[in-house]
C-alpha atoms as a PDB file:
ATOM      1  CA  MET A   1       0.000   0.000   0.000  1.00  0.00           C
ATOM      2  CA  SER A   2       1.250   3.482  -0.813  1.00  0.00           C
ATOM      3  CA  PRO A   3       2.358   5.504   2.249  1.00  0.00           C
ATOM      4  CA  LEU A   4      -0.108   8.218   1.256  1.00  0.00           C
ATOM      5  CA  LEU A   5      -3.047   5.775   1.309  1.00  0.00           C
ATOM      6  CA  GLN A   6      -2.056   4.190   4.609  1.00  0.00           C
ATOM      7  CA  ASP A   7      -4.014   4.727   7.808  1.00  0.00           C
ATOM      8  CA  PRO A   8      -2.202   7.547   9.679  1.00  0.00           C
ATOM      9  CA  ASP A   9      -2.598   5.689  12.988  1.00  0.00           C
ATOM     10  CA  GLU A  10      -0.890   2.576  11.627  1.00  0.00           C
ATOM     11  CA  PRO A  11       2.894   2.494  12.113  1.00  0.00           C
ATOM     12  CA  SER A  12       4.876   2.619   8.908  1.00  0.00           C
ATOM     13  CA  LEU A  13       8.116   0.839   8.169  1.00  0.00           C
ATOM     14  CA  GLU A  14       9.010   3.554   5.694  1.00  0.00           C
ATOM     15  CA  LEU A  15       9.113   6.120   8.482  1.00  0.00           C
ATOM     16  CA  ALA A  16      11.558   3.990  10.458  1.00  0.00           C
ATOM     17  CA  SER A  17      14.029   3.591   7.612  1.00  0.00           C
ATOM     18  CA  PRO A  18      15.369   7.138   7.101  1.00  0.00           C
ATOM     19  CA  PRO A  19      16.937   7.499  10.578  1.00  0.00           C
ATOM     20  CA  GLN A  20      18.561   4.090  10.210  1.00  0.00           C
ATOM     21  CA  SER A  21      19.743   5.037   6.729  1.00  0.00           C
ATOM     22  CA  ALA A  22      21.067   8.346   8.029  1.00  0.00           C
ATOM     23  CA  ARG A  23      23.029   6.562  10.759  1.00  0.00           C
ATOM     24  CA  ALA A  24      24.415   4.096   8.215  1.00  0.00           C
ATOM     25  CA  LEU A  25      25.434   6.939   5.894  1.00  0.00           C
ATOM     26  CA  ALA A  26      27.042   8.844   8.755  1.00  0.00           C
ATOM     27  CA  GLU A  27      29.019   5.742   9.733  1.00  0.00           C
ATOM     28  CA  GLN A  28      30.070   5.195   6.131  1.00  0.00           C
ATOM     29  CA  ALA A  29      31.166   8.841   5.863  1.00  0.00           C
ATOM     30  CA  ARG A  30      33.309   8.432   8.995  1.00  0.00           C
ATOM     31  CA  ARG A  31      34.950   5.351   7.489  1.00  0.00           C
ATOM     32  CA  LEU A  32      35.607   7.193   4.223  1.00  0.00           C
ATOM     33  CA  ARG A  33      37.400  10.117   5.835  1.00  0.00           C
ATOM     34  CA  PRO A  34      40.967  10.271   4.544  1.00  0.00           C
ATOM     35  CA  LEU A  35      43.552   8.968   7.010  1.00  0.00           C
ATOM     36  CA  LEU A  36      46.627  11.138   7.488  1.00  0.00           C
ATOM     37  CA  LEU A  37      49.795  10.064   9.278  1.00  0.00           C
ATOM     38  CA  VAL A  38      51.872  12.769  10.961  1.00  0.00           C
ATOM     39  CA  VAL A  39      55.457  11.710  11.682  1.00  0.00           C
ATOM     40  CA  ASP A  40      56.972  14.355  13.955  1.00  0.00           C
ATOM     41  CA  ASP A  41      58.816  14.176  17.266  1.00  0.00           C
ATOM     42  CA  ASP A  42      57.164  17.361  18.597  1.00  0.00           C
ATOM     43  CA  LYS A  43      54.039  16.692  20.699  1.00  0.00           C
ATOM     44  CA  PHE A  44      52.829  20.255  20.077  1.00  0.00           C
ATOM     45  CA  VAL A  45      52.860  19.550  16.324  1.00  0.00           C
ATOM     46  CA  HIS A  46      50.797  16.417  17.008  1.00  0.00           C
ATOM     47  CA  LYS A  47      48.169  18.450  18.866  1.00  0.00           C
ATOM     48  CA  LEU A  48      48.160  21.208  16.259  1.00  0.00           C
ATOM     49  CA  MET A  49      47.844  18.824  13.304  1.00  0.00           C
ATOM     50  CA  ALA A  50      45.164  16.741  15.012  1.00  0.00           C
ATOM     51  CA  ARG A  51      43.116  19.858  15.732  1.00  0.00           C
ATOM     52  CA  VAL A  52      43.518  21.575  12.339  1.00  0.00           C
ATOM     53  CA  LEU A  53      43.216  18.463  10.188  1.00  0.00           C
ATOM     54  CA  GLY A  54      40.516  16.903  12.359  1.00  0.00           C
ATOM     55  CA  ALA A  55      38.407  20.054  11.990  1.00  0.00           C
ATOM     56  CA  ALA A  56      38.812  19.658   8.225  1.00  0.00           C
ATOM     57  CA  HIS A  57      37.287  16.143   8.441  1.00  0.00           C
ATOM     58  CA  TYR A  58      40.460  14.098   8.234  1.00  0.00           C
ATOM     59  CA  ASP A  59      41.370  11.232  10.547  1.00  0.00           C
ATOM     60  CA  VAL A  60      44.829  11.851  11.956  1.00  0.00           C
ATOM     61  CA  LEU A  61      47.362   9.469  13.481  1.00  0.00           C
ATOM     62  CA  CYS A  62      50.556  10.871  14.984  1.00  0.00           C
ATOM     63  CA  VAL A  63      53.843   9.112  15.741  1.00  0.00           C
ATOM     64  CA  ALA A  64      57.126  10.507  17.029  1.00  0.00           C
ATOM     65  CA  SER A  65      59.753   8.420  15.233  1.00  0.00           C
ATOM     66  CA  ALA A  66      60.585   6.470  12.095  1.00  0.00           C
ATOM     67  CA  THR A  67      60.395   3.224  14.066  1.00  0.00           C
ATOM     68  CA  LYS A  68      56.862   3.963  15.250  1.00  0.00           C
ATOM     69  CA  ALA A  69      55.859   5.038  11.741  1.00  0.00           C
ATOM     70  CA  ILE A  70      57.090   1.763  10.256  1.00  0.00           C
ATOM     71  CA  THR A  71      55.273  -0.229  12.933  1.00  0.00           C
ATOM     72  CA  LEU A  72      52.048   1.646  12.247  1.00  0.00           C
ATOM     73  CA  LEU A  73      52.438   1.302   8.470  1.00  0.00           C
ATOM     74  CA  ARG A  74      52.509  -2.475   8.852  1.00  0.00           C
ATOM     75  CA  GLU A  75      48.939  -2.272  10.194  1.00  0.00           C
ATOM     76  CA  ARG A  76      47.386   0.762   8.506  1.00  0.00           C
ATOM     77  CA  ARG A  77      47.781   2.460   5.146  1.00  0.00           C
ATOM     78  CA  PRO A  78      47.279   6.217   5.367  1.00  0.00           C
ATOM     79  CA  ASP A  79      46.116   8.256   2.392  1.00  0.00           C
ATOM     80  CA  LEU A  80      48.874  10.834   2.969  1.00  0.00           C
ATOM     81  CA  ILE A  81      51.910  11.255   5.228  1.00  0.00           C
ATOM     82  CA  LEU A  82      53.135  14.523   6.732  1.00  0.00           C
ATOM     83  CA  MET A  83      56.810  13.888   7.518  1.00  0.00           C
ATOM     84  CA  ASP A  84      59.127  15.969   9.684  1.00  0.00           C
ATOM     85  CA  ILE A  85      62.722  16.000   8.493  1.00  0.00           C
ATOM     86  CA  GLY A  86      64.330  16.236  11.933  1.00  0.00           C
ATOM     87  CA  LEU A  87      63.352  12.910  13.502  1.00  0.00           C
ATOM     88  CA  PRO A  88      65.430  11.089  16.118  1.00  0.00           C
ATOM     89  CA  GLY A  89      67.432   8.187  14.697  1.00  0.00           C
ATOM     90  CA  VAL A  90      66.348   7.808  11.073  1.00  0.00           C
ATOM     91  CA  ASP A  91      65.493  11.264   9.734  1.00  0.00           C
ATOM     92  CA  GLY A  92      62.470  12.072   7.570  1.00  0.00           C
ATOM     93  CA  ILE A  93      64.433  12.092   4.330  1.00  0.00           C
ATOM     94  CA  GLN A  94      65.833   8.604   4.987  1.00  0.00           C
ATOM     95  CA  LEU A  95      62.407   7.309   6.045  1.00  0.00           C
ATOM     96  CA  THR A  96      60.774   8.755   2.919  1.00  0.00           C
ATOM     97  CA  ARG A  97      63.440   7.057   0.785  1.00  0.00           C
ATOM     98  CA  GLN A  98      62.633   3.728   2.518  1.00  0.00           C
ATOM     99  CA  LEU A  99      58.870   4.186   2.056  1.00  0.00           C
ATOM    100  CA  LYS A 100      59.227   4.983  -1.631  1.00  0.00           C
ATOM    101  CA  ALA A 101      61.331   1.823  -2.089  1.00  0.00           C
ATOM    102  CA  ALA A 102      58.605  -0.355  -0.520  1.00  0.00           C
ATOM    103  CA  VAL A 103      56.123  -1.254  -3.277  1.00  0.00           C
ATOM    104  CA  PRO A 104      52.946  -1.267  -1.123  1.00  0.00           C
ATOM    105  CA  LEU A 105      53.797   2.156   0.342  1.00  0.00           C
ATOM    106  CA  ALA A 106      55.432   3.886  -2.625  1.00  0.00           C
ATOM    107  CA  THR A 107      52.216   5.499  -3.881  1.00  0.00           C
ATOM    108  CA  ILE A 108      51.368   7.246  -0.596  1.00  0.00           C
ATOM    109  CA  PRO A 109      52.051  10.971  -1.054  1.00  0.00           C
ATOM    110  CA  VAL A 110      54.547  12.363   1.459  1.00  0.00           C
ATOM    111  CA  ILE A 111      54.602  16.059   2.316  1.00  0.00           C
ATOM    112  CA  MET A 112      57.757  17.067   4.167  1.00  0.00           C
ATOM    113  CA  LEU A 113      57.620  19.410   7.163  1.00  0.00           C
ATOM    114  CA  SER A 114      60.625  21.360   8.370  1.00  0.00           C
ATOM    115  CA  GLY A 115      61.703  24.523  10.089  1.00  0.00           C
ATOM    116  CA  GLN A 116      64.560  24.538   7.588  1.00  0.00           C
ATOM    117  CA  SER A 117      63.644  26.170   4.323  1.00  0.00           C
ATOM    118  CA  GLY A 118      66.999  26.111   2.568  1.00  0.00           C
ATOM    119  CA  ARG A 119      67.087  25.199  -1.097  1.00  0.00           C
ATOM    120  CA  GLN A 120      69.137  22.025  -0.533  1.00  0.00           C
ATOM    121  CA  VAL A 121      66.717  20.696   2.118  1.00  0.00           C
ATOM    122  CA  ILE A 122      63.821  21.113  -0.297  1.00  0.00           C
ATOM    123  CA  ILE A 123      65.777  19.534  -3.174  1.00  0.00           C
ATOM    124  CA  ASP A 124      66.800  16.587  -0.968  1.00  0.00           C
ATOM    125  CA  SER A 125      63.182  16.079   0.147  1.00  0.00           C
ATOM    126  CA  LEU A 126      61.789  16.094  -3.367  1.00  0.00           C
ATOM    127  CA  SER A 127      64.606  13.926  -4.735  1.00  0.00           C
ATOM    128  CA  VAL A 128      63.707  11.029  -2.388  1.00  0.00           C
ATOM    129  CA  GLY A 129      60.063  11.109  -3.444  1.00  0.00           C
ATOM    130  CA  ALA A 130      58.284  13.717  -1.326  1.00  0.00           C
ATOM    131  CA  VAL A 131      55.534  15.405  -3.338  1.00  0.00           C
ATOM    132  CA  ASP A 132      55.598  18.726  -1.511  1.00  0.00           C
ATOM    133  CA  PHE A 133      57.225  20.725   1.271  1.00  0.00           C
ATOM    134  CA  ILE A 134      55.751  22.852   4.072  1.00  0.00           C
ATOM    135  CA  VAL A 135      57.867  25.184   6.191  1.00  0.00           C
ATOM    136  CA  LYS A 136      57.275  25.315   9.951  1.00  0.00           C
ATOM    137  CA  PRO A 137      55.651  27.083  11.633  1.00  0.00           C
ATOM    138  CA  VAL A 138      52.850  25.670   9.534  1.00  0.00           C
ATOM    139  CA  ASP A 139      50.353  28.062   7.987  1.00  0.00           C
ATOM    140  CA  ARG A 140      46.884  26.511   8.414  1.00  0.00           C
ATOM    141  CA  ASP A 141      45.566  27.545   4.992  1.00  0.00           C
ATOM    142  CA  ILE A 142      48.665  26.354   3.141  1.00  0.00           C
ATOM    143  CA  LEU A 143      48.555  23.042   5.014  1.00  0.00           C
ATOM    144  CA  LEU A 144      44.897  22.431   4.181  1.00  0.00           C
ATOM    145  CA  LYS A 145      45.337  23.404   0.516  1.00  0.00           C
ATOM    146  CA  LYS A 146      48.349  21.139   0.036  1.00  0.00           C
ATOM    147  CA  VAL A 147      46.735  18.188   1.814  1.00  0.00           C
ATOM    148  CA  ALA A 148      43.545  18.557  -0.246  1.00  0.00           C
ATOM    149  CA  ARG A 149      45.569  18.900  -3.452  1.00  0.00           C
ATOM    150  CA  TRP A 150      47.537  15.687  -2.926  1.00  0.00           C
ATOM    151  CA  LEU A 151      44.537  13.692  -1.710  1.00  0.00           C
ATOM    152  CA  ALA A 152      42.640  14.655  -4.881  1.00  0.00           C
ATOM    153  CA  ARG A 153      45.220  12.925  -7.101  1.00  0.00           C
END
């Protein structure tokens, strides 16, 4: 029977479906949010990135070293990596070189982060496979534009 011809006092299954559908769509949207990995040894950068990128509807994971990044990458595959150059132990340039040599990880875009903005640092970053470079302190608008740009590819 058409919902319009139904007795208004009789419960309708069609009225129950939209909220369930809305919840299912909301859950699906949460699962489809891009996952970003921030590799930086500065806890303040973790908080800043989580707040800025989270507000832009990205899921953000933060780790403080190359070792922790590799461990995480064995379990999860982010859509984009934001990589600090000055990491303890293996630096961001070396880690990016390793990631680009690993077939399952080579296609993940890596944006380098650094307080150093010298020409050679940028050249070194791009030569190992980074797709872009952001100078710290990070400008919110530049960060969001670059992340969106590389996720769209």
